[in-house]
Amino acid sequence: MSSLAKRRKGDVTVRDETKRLKSEIKRLKGEIRKGRAQLAEFRRTAADWKARFREKHRLLRQARHLVPSPAVLETLLPTRLAAAQERARRPDAVARHREFLRIGKRYAQAVEAYEAGHMSNAQSICVGALKFWVPLEARLPERVARAQKQGLPLRVISNTREVASGRVMLDVGGNLGRTAIPRVVLGDVEIAYAAEPHPENYDCLVWSVLENGLAGLVLPDQVAISSRDGTATLLPSRFAGGHALREPGASPENKLTLEVPCCQLDTWTEHLKVNLEDVNFIKVDVQGWEPKVLRGASRILSRQHIAWQFEISPGRLKRAGSCLEELLDLMDLHFDWFVDLDKTRIESRLAPIDQLRSRLSHLESERLETDIVLWQSGGLRSGQS
């Protein structure tokens, strides 16, 4: 090949390589511009999220100051307990206690056991200024430690005092008295009627009332509240707060079940001669049985002045043979307003019932739960004039 041909071939190779390099440089510049644009977008997004976080943090701090803190209520308990004990000595409280002894066989048995000192199957613990009895189980020594650690639901109490104050409350799922006893002691209500179906829990509930000197102010009854009158199947739990009702004939998670008396909320209040005009607040914590409670309370639901507190757990509702949608449908039917007590929520506390599903969308996992308070507004729903 001649030198001229070689030179021309070399020129072509250089030009091609130069062209390729220019193309590569152009591509790289394009990538750099794209990367810079993405970086700028990322910085804008980061700045936006930072601003949102600051605003949410500000709103959360503001929300925490809307209600008294649990620490405030805890400091009130000792002196309020002494005042409540004085109220329990009044003739009206003594008369209620005696009437409960007359009409309640199980109540009389539990009182007799306490007065005779026959509480070997339970242990007394102190939670702040209050005393509670906890059922003992040799296979479950952690029961007492768990009850001690749980303490009192003072955050929920402080967040519901706007609607819970009044003469009488109904505590459906009374457990060991962790809600009814503080409510009465703090002066939120004068009288609390508590329904607790588990026999050992019930004995401890009565003993806790007597231990704190509140006979005639907190009135426990051993009964499960449901959609019918009769008996119910109770599935015991490892812990005092986990016992759950099941449909008759349902396949239980384990072989051990108890048969307990049950009745509708309407029937229960009629039997105890509760004046519904005096009832301002009903707390319901029944491990997924909440729809059944509502279905047996048509007479009480017609009293529009009563506010209700519910624990909502999709997982527990499912295990009880129900679902979240069933409960929300019933709530939408009977209530107009609600407040979600989830401590991480920063929206306005008050919301109309048509926002209930969207506000509870954070319960996408069956393991999540929250407490809400609902009430009526005399038939006038949000958006109506």
Protein backbone atom coordinates (compact mmCIF):
# COMPACT_ATOMS: atom_id res chain seq x y z
CA MET A 1 0.00 0.00 0.00
CA SER A 2 1.33 3.38 -0.96
CA SER A 3 2.20 5.98 1.64
CA LEU A 4 -0.62 8.20 0.35
CA ALA A 5 -3.15 5.45 0.83
CA LYS A 6 -1.86 4.76 4.34
CA ARG A 7 -2.09 8.44 5.19
CA ARG A 8 -5.65 8.64 3.93
CA LYS A 9 -6.60 5.52 5.88
CA GLY A 10 -5.04 7.00 9.02
CA ASP A 11 -6.98 10.23 8.50
CA VAL A 12 -10.22 8.28 8.27
CA THR A 13 -9.42 6.39 11.46
CA VAL A 14 -8.63 9.62 13.32
CA ARG A 15 -11.80 11.27 12.09
CA ASP A 16 -13.93 8.28 13.13
CA GLU A 17 -12.30 8.18 16.53
CA THR A 18 -12.74 11.93 16.92
CA LYS A 19 -16.36 11.64 15.93
CA ARG A 20 -16.89 8.79 18.39
CA LEU A 21 -15.22 10.73 21.18
CA LYS A 22 -17.32 13.83 20.46
CA SER A 23 -20.45 11.66 20.54
CA GLU A 24 -19.38 10.13 23.83
CA ILE A 25 -18.63 13.56 25.29
CA LYS A 26 -22.05 14.77 24.17
CA ARG A 27 -23.69 11.73 25.77
CA LEU A 28 -21.78 12.26 28.99
CA LYS A 29 -22.76 15.93 29.08
CA GLY A 30 -26.38 14.84 28.64
CA GLU A 31 -26.00 12.43 31.54
CA ILE A 32 -24.45 15.17 33.64
CA ARG A 33 -27.34 17.53 32.86
CA LYS A 34 -29.81 14.76 33.68
CA GLY A 35 -28.00 13.98 36.92
CA ARG A 36 -27.96 17.65 37.87
CA ALA A 37 -31.71 17.88 37.19
CA GLN A 38 -32.34 14.78 39.30
CA LEU A 39 -30.17 16.18 42.08
CA ALA A 40 -32.08 19.45 41.99
CA GLU A 41 -35.38 17.55 42.14
CA PHE A 42 -34.10 15.46 45.03
CA ARG A 43 -33.06 18.60 46.89
CA ARG A 44 -36.49 20.16 46.29
CA THR A 45 -38.19 16.96 47.53
CA ALA A 46 -35.91 16.81 50.57
CA ALA A 47 -36.65 20.44 51.37
CA ASP A 48 -40.39 19.77 50.99
CA TRP A 49 -40.26 16.76 53.31
CA LYS A 50 -38.19 18.73 55.79
CA ALA A 51 -40.78 21.50 55.80
CA ARG A 52 -43.59 18.94 56.23
CA PHE A 53 -41.75 17.27 59.10
CA ARG A 54 -41.27 20.61 60.85
CA GLU A 55 -44.96 21.45 60.44
CA LYS A 56 -46.09 18.03 61.67
CA HIS A 57 -43.73 18.27 64.60
CA ARG A 58 -45.16 21.70 65.43
CA LEU A 59 -48.74 20.41 65.20
CA LEU A 60 -47.92 17.37 67.31
CA ARG A 61 -46.42 19.53 70.04
CA GLN A 62 -49.47 21.79 69.85
CA ALA A 63 -51.84 18.80 70.05
CA ARG A 64 -50.09 17.50 73.15
CA HIS A 65 -51.02 20.71 74.94
CA LEU A 66 -54.71 20.47 74.07
CA VAL A 67 -55.42 18.04 76.92
CA PRO A 68 -53.91 17.39 80.35
CA SER A 69 -50.98 15.02 80.28
CA PRO A 70 -51.19 11.61 82.02
CA ALA A 71 -48.62 12.88 84.53
CA VAL A 72 -51.06 15.59 85.63
CA LEU A 73 -53.79 13.03 86.30
CA GLU A 74 -51.37 10.75 88.13
CA THR A 75 -50.52 13.50 90.63
CA LEU A 76 -54.24 13.97 91.34
CA LEU A 77 -54.93 10.32 92.20
CA PRO A 78 -53.90 10.25 95.90
CA THR A 79 -56.07 13.15 97.04
CA ARG A 80 -58.92 12.27 94.66
CA LEU A 81 -58.90 8.70 96.03
CA ALA A 82 -59.45 9.99 99.57
CA ALA A 83 -62.38 12.12 98.36
CA ALA A 84 -63.90 9.14 96.47
CA GLN A 85 -63.65 6.97 99.58
CA GLU A 86 -65.64 9.60 101.46
CA ARG A 87 -68.30 9.51 98.75
CA ALA A 88 -68.47 5.71 99.09
CA ARG A 89 -69.51 6.15 102.75
CA ARG A 90 -72.56 8.20 101.83
CA PRO A 91 -75.99 6.58 102.26
CA ASP A 92 -76.72 6.42 98.51
CA ALA A 93 -73.46 4.54 97.77
CA VAL A 94 -73.99 2.19 100.70
CA ALA A 95 -77.53 1.49 99.44
CA ARG A 96 -76.25 0.67 95.91
CA HIS A 97 -73.68 -1.71 97.34
CA ARG A 98 -76.32 -3.49 99.42
CA GLU A 99 -78.68 -3.72 96.44
CA PHE A 100 -75.88 -5.24 94.36
CA LEU A 101 -75.27 -7.79 97.12
CA ARG A 102 -78.97 -8.68 97.00
CA ILE A 103 -79.36 -9.06 93.22
CA GLY A 104 -75.88 -10.32 92.32
CA LYS A 105 -74.98 -13.80 93.57
CA ARG A 106 -71.46 -13.63 92.12
CA TYR A 107 -70.93 -10.16 93.54
CA ALA A 108 -71.94 -11.38 96.99
CA GLN A 109 -69.59 -14.38 96.68
CA ALA A 110 -66.64 -12.19 95.70
CA VAL A 111 -67.32 -9.74 98.54
CA GLU A 112 -67.59 -12.60 101.03
CA ALA A 113 -64.26 -14.05 99.82
CA TYR A 114 -62.57 -10.67 100.24
CA GLU A 115 -63.96 -10.09 103.71
CA ALA A 116 -62.83 -13.60 104.73
CA GLY A 117 -59.37 -13.07 103.22
CA HIS A 118 -59.77 -15.93 100.73
CA MET A 119 -57.78 -14.44 97.80
CA SER A 120 -55.03 -17.05 97.50
CA ASN A 121 -55.47 -17.29 93.73
CA ALA A 122 -54.61 -13.61 93.19
CA GLN A 123 -51.96 -11.05 94.06
CA SER A 124 -52.37 -7.41 95.04
CA ILE A 125 -50.24 -4.82 93.25
CA CYS A 126 -49.89 -1.06 93.56
CA VAL A 127 -50.23 1.10 90.47
CA GLY A 128 -49.51 4.62 91.59
CA ALA A 129 -51.94 5.50 94.35
CA LEU A 130 -54.33 2.65 93.49
CA LYS A 131 -54.34 -1.06 94.33
CA PHE A 132 -55.39 -3.85 91.99
CA TRP A 133 -55.74 -7.60 92.31
CA VAL A 134 -54.32 -9.76 89.51
CA PRO A 135 -55.27 -13.43 88.89
CA LEU A 136 -52.39 -15.82 89.50
CA GLU A 137 -51.50 -18.69 87.21
CA ALA A 138 -48.58 -21.00 88.07
CA ARG A 139 -47.74 -21.50 84.38
CA LEU A 140 -47.86 -17.76 83.72
CA PRO A 141 -45.75 -15.98 86.34
CA GLU A 142 -45.39 -12.97 84.01
CA ARG A 143 -49.06 -12.02 84.48
CA VAL A 144 -48.37 -9.88 87.52
CA ALA A 145 -45.33 -8.19 85.96
CA ARG A 146 -47.32 -7.46 82.81
CA ALA A 147 -50.19 -5.94 84.78
CA GLN A 148 -47.73 -3.81 86.73
CA LYS A 149 -46.03 -2.64 83.54
CA GLN A 150 -49.33 -1.75 81.84
CA GLY A 151 -50.14 0.79 84.51
CA LEU A 152 -53.26 2.89 84.03
CA PRO A 153 -54.72 4.12 80.72
CA LEU A 154 -54.29 7.74 81.78
CA ARG A 155 -53.43 8.99 78.28
CA VAL A 156 -56.74 7.71 76.90
CA ILE A 157 -58.59 8.98 79.97
CA SER A 158 -57.08 12.44 79.55
CA ASN A 159 -57.93 12.46 75.83
CA THR A 160 -61.59 11.59 76.38
CA ARG A 161 -62.54 13.75 79.35
CA GLU A 162 -64.30 16.22 77.03
CA VAL A 163 -67.05 13.67 76.34
CA ALA A 164 -66.74 11.19 79.25
CA SER A 165 -67.65 13.39 82.21
CA GLY A 166 -71.04 12.85 83.78
CA ARG A 167 -72.91 10.91 86.44
CA VAL A 168 -72.72 7.31 85.14
CA MET A 169 -70.44 5.33 82.82
CA LEU A 170 -70.80 1.77 81.55
CA ASP A 171 -67.55 -0.19 81.31
CA VAL A 172 -68.10 -3.08 78.88
CA GLY A 173 -65.09 -5.32 79.29
CA GLY A 174 -64.25 -4.15 82.81
CA ASN A 175 -61.16 -6.38 83.13
CA LEU A 176 -59.43 -5.64 86.47
CA GLY A 177 -60.90 -2.14 86.80
CA ARG A 178 -58.03 -0.22 85.17
CA THR A 179 -60.51 2.18 83.51
CA ALA A 180 -63.59 2.28 85.77
CA ILE A 181 -61.68 2.78 89.03
CA PRO A 182 -59.52 5.75 87.84
CA ARG A 183 -62.55 7.36 86.16
CA VAL A 184 -64.46 7.32 89.45
CA VAL A 185 -61.47 8.35 91.55
CA LEU A 186 -60.60 11.29 89.27
CA GLY A 187 -64.21 12.47 89.42
CA ASP A 188 -64.99 12.02 85.72
CA VAL A 189 -68.06 9.99 86.71
CA GLU A 190 -69.88 9.36 89.98
CA ILE A 191 -70.82 5.72 89.32
CA ALA A 192 -69.37 3.07 87.00
CA TYR A 193 -71.17 -0.16 86.11
CA ALA A 194 -68.63 -2.72 84.87
CA ALA A 195 -69.35 -5.93 82.92
CA GLU A 196 -66.61 -8.58 83.08
CA PRO A 197 -67.32 -12.21 82.03
CA HIS A 198 -64.13 -14.04 83.08
CA PRO A 199 -64.64 -15.46 86.62
CA GLU A 200 -61.08 -14.87 87.89
CA ASN A 201 -60.95 -11.39 86.37
CA TYR A 202 -64.32 -10.66 87.91
CA ASP A 203 -63.24 -11.68 91.42
CA CYS A 204 -60.14 -9.48 91.10
CA LEU A 205 -62.24 -6.59 89.82
CA VAL A 206 -64.54 -6.78 92.86
CA TRP A 207 -61.57 -7.09 95.21
CA SER A 208 -59.87 -4.09 93.57
CA VAL A 209 -63.02 -2.02 94.13
CA LEU A 210 -63.15 -3.06 97.78
CA GLU A 211 -59.38 -2.63 98.27
CA ASN A 212 -59.65 0.99 97.15
CA GLY A 213 -62.73 1.66 99.31
CA LEU A 214 -65.04 2.29 96.36
CA ALA A 215 -67.95 -0.07 97.06
CA GLY A 216 -71.16 1.44 95.75
CA LEU A 217 -69.29 3.68 93.28
CA VAL A 218 -67.88 0.97 90.99
CA LEU A 219 -70.42 -1.84 90.56
CA PRO A 220 -69.09 -4.96 88.77
CA ASP A 221 -71.29 -7.68 87.26
CA GLN A 222 -70.04 -11.00 85.90
CA VAL A 223 -71.57 -11.02 82.44
CA ALA A 224 -70.57 -10.84 78.78
CA ILE A 225 -72.29 -8.19 76.68
CA SER A 226 -73.43 -9.50 73.30
CA SER A 227 -76.23 -9.35 70.72
CA ARG A 228 -78.44 -11.87 72.56
CA ASP A 229 -79.34 -13.10 76.03
CA GLY A 230 -78.20 -16.50 77.27
CA THR A 231 -74.71 -17.96 77.48
CA ALA A 232 -71.54 -17.39 75.49
CA THR A 233 -68.26 -19.18 74.84
CA LEU A 234 -65.24 -17.43 76.33
CA LEU A 235 -61.77 -18.27 75.08
CA PRO A 236 -59.26 -17.66 77.89
CA SER A 237 -56.00 -15.87 77.17
CA ARG A 238 -52.56 -15.99 78.75
CA PHE A 239 -53.17 -12.50 80.12
CA ALA A 240 -56.05 -10.91 81.98
CA GLY A 241 -56.91 -8.48 79.18
CA GLY A 242 -56.96 -10.99 76.33
CA HIS A 243 -59.97 -13.23 77.07
CA ALA A 244 -62.24 -13.22 74.01
CA LEU A 245 -65.79 -14.28 73.17
CA ARG A 246 -66.50 -16.71 70.35
CA GLU A 247 -69.62 -17.83 68.50
CA PRO A 248 -71.20 -21.04 69.88
CA GLY A 249 -69.72 -24.01 68.04
CA ALA A 250 -66.86 -22.01 66.57
CA SER A 251 -63.55 -23.84 66.40
CA PRO A 252 -61.42 -22.30 69.18
CA GLU A 253 -57.71 -21.59 68.91
CA ASN A 254 -57.19 -24.01 71.80
CA LYS A 255 -59.28 -26.62 73.59
CA LEU A 256 -59.91 -24.68 76.79
CA THR A 257 -63.13 -22.62 76.77
CA LEU A 258 -65.54 -21.34 79.40
CA GLU A 259 -69.30 -20.95 79.27
CA VAL A 260 -70.30 -17.57 80.69
CA PRO A 261 -73.60 -15.72 81.02
CA CYS A 262 -74.27 -13.11 78.35
CA CYS A 263 -76.94 -10.56 77.58
CA GLN A 264 -77.63 -7.54 75.45
CA LEU A 265 -76.50 -4.15 76.71
CA ASP A 266 -80.16 -3.09 76.73
CA THR A 267 -81.09 -6.10 78.87
CA TRP A 268 -78.18 -5.55 81.25
CA THR A 269 -78.99 -1.92 81.99
CA GLU A 270 -82.68 -2.77 82.44
CA HIS A 271 -81.80 -5.54 84.91
CA LEU A 272 -79.58 -3.20 86.93
CA LYS A 273 -82.21 -0.43 86.72
CA VAL A 274 -79.70 2.03 85.28
CA ASN A 275 -81.26 5.38 84.47
CA LEU A 276 -80.03 6.00 80.91
CA GLU A 277 -80.53 9.73 81.30
CA ASP A 278 -77.66 9.61 83.81
CA VAL A 279 -75.34 7.69 81.46
CA ASN A 280 -72.95 9.94 79.55
CA PHE A 281 -70.21 7.52 78.54
CA ILE A 282 -69.78 3.87 77.51
CA LYS A 283 -66.36 2.24 77.11
CA VAL A 284 -66.24 -0.94 75.01
CA ASP A 285 -63.12 -3.14 74.93
CA VAL A 286 -64.22 -6.68 74.11
CA GLN A 287 -61.50 -8.18 71.90
CA GLY A 288 -63.33 -8.02 68.55
CA TRP A 289 -66.88 -8.48 69.90
CA GLU A 290 -67.74 -4.80 69.39
CA PRO A 291 -70.27 -5.36 66.54
CA LYS A 292 -72.24 -7.74 68.79
CA VAL A 293 -72.32 -5.12 71.55
CA LEU A 294 -73.78 -2.53 69.17
CA ARG A 295 -76.36 -4.97 67.78
CA GLY A 296 -77.70 -5.52 71.29
CA ALA A 297 -77.94 -1.87 72.24
CA SER A 298 -80.72 -0.37 70.09
CA ARG A 299 -82.49 1.22 73.07
CA ILE A 300 -79.29 2.79 74.40
CA LEU A 301 -78.21 3.97 70.95
CA SER A 302 -81.46 5.91 70.73
CA ARG A 303 -80.19 8.06 73.61
CA GLN A 304 -78.22 10.58 71.59
CA HIS A 305 -76.45 12.22 74.53
CA ILE A 306 -74.22 9.19 75.23
CA ALA A 307 -70.64 9.07 73.91
CA TRP A 308 -68.98 5.72 73.19
CA GLN A 309 -65.33 4.66 73.27
CA PHE A 310 -64.26 1.60 71.25
CA GLU A 311 -61.00 -0.24 70.83
CA ILE A 312 -60.64 -1.15 67.13
CA SER A 313 -58.39 -4.03 66.09
CA PRO A 314 -58.87 -5.61 62.63
CA GLY A 315 -57.05 -8.74 63.76
CA ARG A 316 -59.26 -9.28 66.81
CA LEU A 317 -62.41 -8.57 64.80
CA LYS A 318 -61.40 -11.23 62.27
CA ARG A 319 -60.66 -13.82 64.95
CA ALA A 320 -64.07 -13.10 66.51
CA GLY A 321 -65.80 -13.91 63.21
CA SER A 322 -66.39 -10.31 62.17
CA CYS A 323 -64.45 -7.72 60.19
CA LEU A 324 -63.55 -4.05 60.27
CA GLU A 325 -66.11 -3.18 57.58
CA GLU A 326 -68.99 -4.58 59.65
CA LEU A 327 -68.01 -2.46 62.62
CA LEU A 328 -67.52 0.67 60.52
CA ASP A 329 -70.93 0.17 58.88
CA LEU A 330 -72.59 0.04 62.29
CA MET A 331 -70.71 3.12 63.46
CA ASP A 332 -71.69 5.00 60.31
CA LEU A 333 -75.31 4.06 60.97
CA HIS A 334 -75.44 5.20 64.57
CA PHE A 335 -72.95 8.06 65.03
CA ASP A 336 -72.22 11.46 63.53
CA TRP A 337 -68.82 12.50 64.94
CA PHE A 338 -65.68 10.81 66.17
CA VAL A 339 -62.16 11.33 67.47
CA ASP A 340 -59.27 8.94 66.75
CA LEU A 341 -57.18 8.62 69.92
CA ASP A 342 -54.08 7.33 68.10
CA LYS A 343 -51.30 9.41 69.68
CA THR A 344 -49.43 9.71 66.36
CA ARG A 345 -52.34 11.48 64.61
CA ILE A 346 -51.91 15.22 64.13
CA GLU A 347 -55.04 16.14 62.19
CA SER A 348 -57.89 18.00 63.85
CA ARG A 349 -59.22 15.82 66.68
CA LEU A 350 -62.84 16.25 65.64
CA ALA A 351 -63.99 14.64 62.38
CA PRO A 352 -67.40 13.84 60.82
CA ILE A 353 -68.35 10.18 60.53
CA ASP A 354 -67.98 10.18 56.74
CA GLN A 355 -64.21 10.51 57.27
CA LEU A 356 -64.03 7.46 59.53
CA ARG A 357 -62.79 5.03 56.88
CA SER A 358 -60.13 7.36 55.53
CA ARG A 359 -58.93 8.27 59.03
CA LEU A 360 -58.61 4.58 59.93
CA SER A 361 -56.81 3.61 56.72
CA HIS A 362 -53.62 3.33 58.79
CA LEU A 363 -55.02 0.10 60.25
CA GLU A 364 -53.99 -1.80 57.12
CA SER A 365 -52.22 -4.42 59.21
CA GLU A 366 -54.21 -6.83 61.38
CA ARG A 367 -51.69 -6.24 64.16
CA LEU A 368 -52.48 -2.52 64.43
CA GLU A 369 -55.18 -1.05 66.64
CA THR A 370 -56.52 2.24 67.94
CA ASP A 371 -59.20 3.67 70.22
CA ILE A 372 -61.89 6.03 68.97
CA VAL A 373 -64.68 7.99 70.62
CA LEU A 374 -67.99 8.49 68.81
CA TRP A 375 -71.22 10.35 69.50
CA GLN A 376 -74.38 11.64 67.88
CA SER A 377 -75.47 15.21 67.24
CA GLY A 378 -79.22 15.08 67.47
CA GLY A 379 -79.70 13.79 63.93
CA LEU A 380 -77.83 16.69 62.29
CA ARG A 381 -74.91 15.21 60.37
CA SER A 382 -71.96 17.09 58.91
CA GLY A 383 -72.87 18.77 55.67
CA GLN A 384 -76.54 19.15 56.65
CA SER A 385 -78.05 22.53 57.31
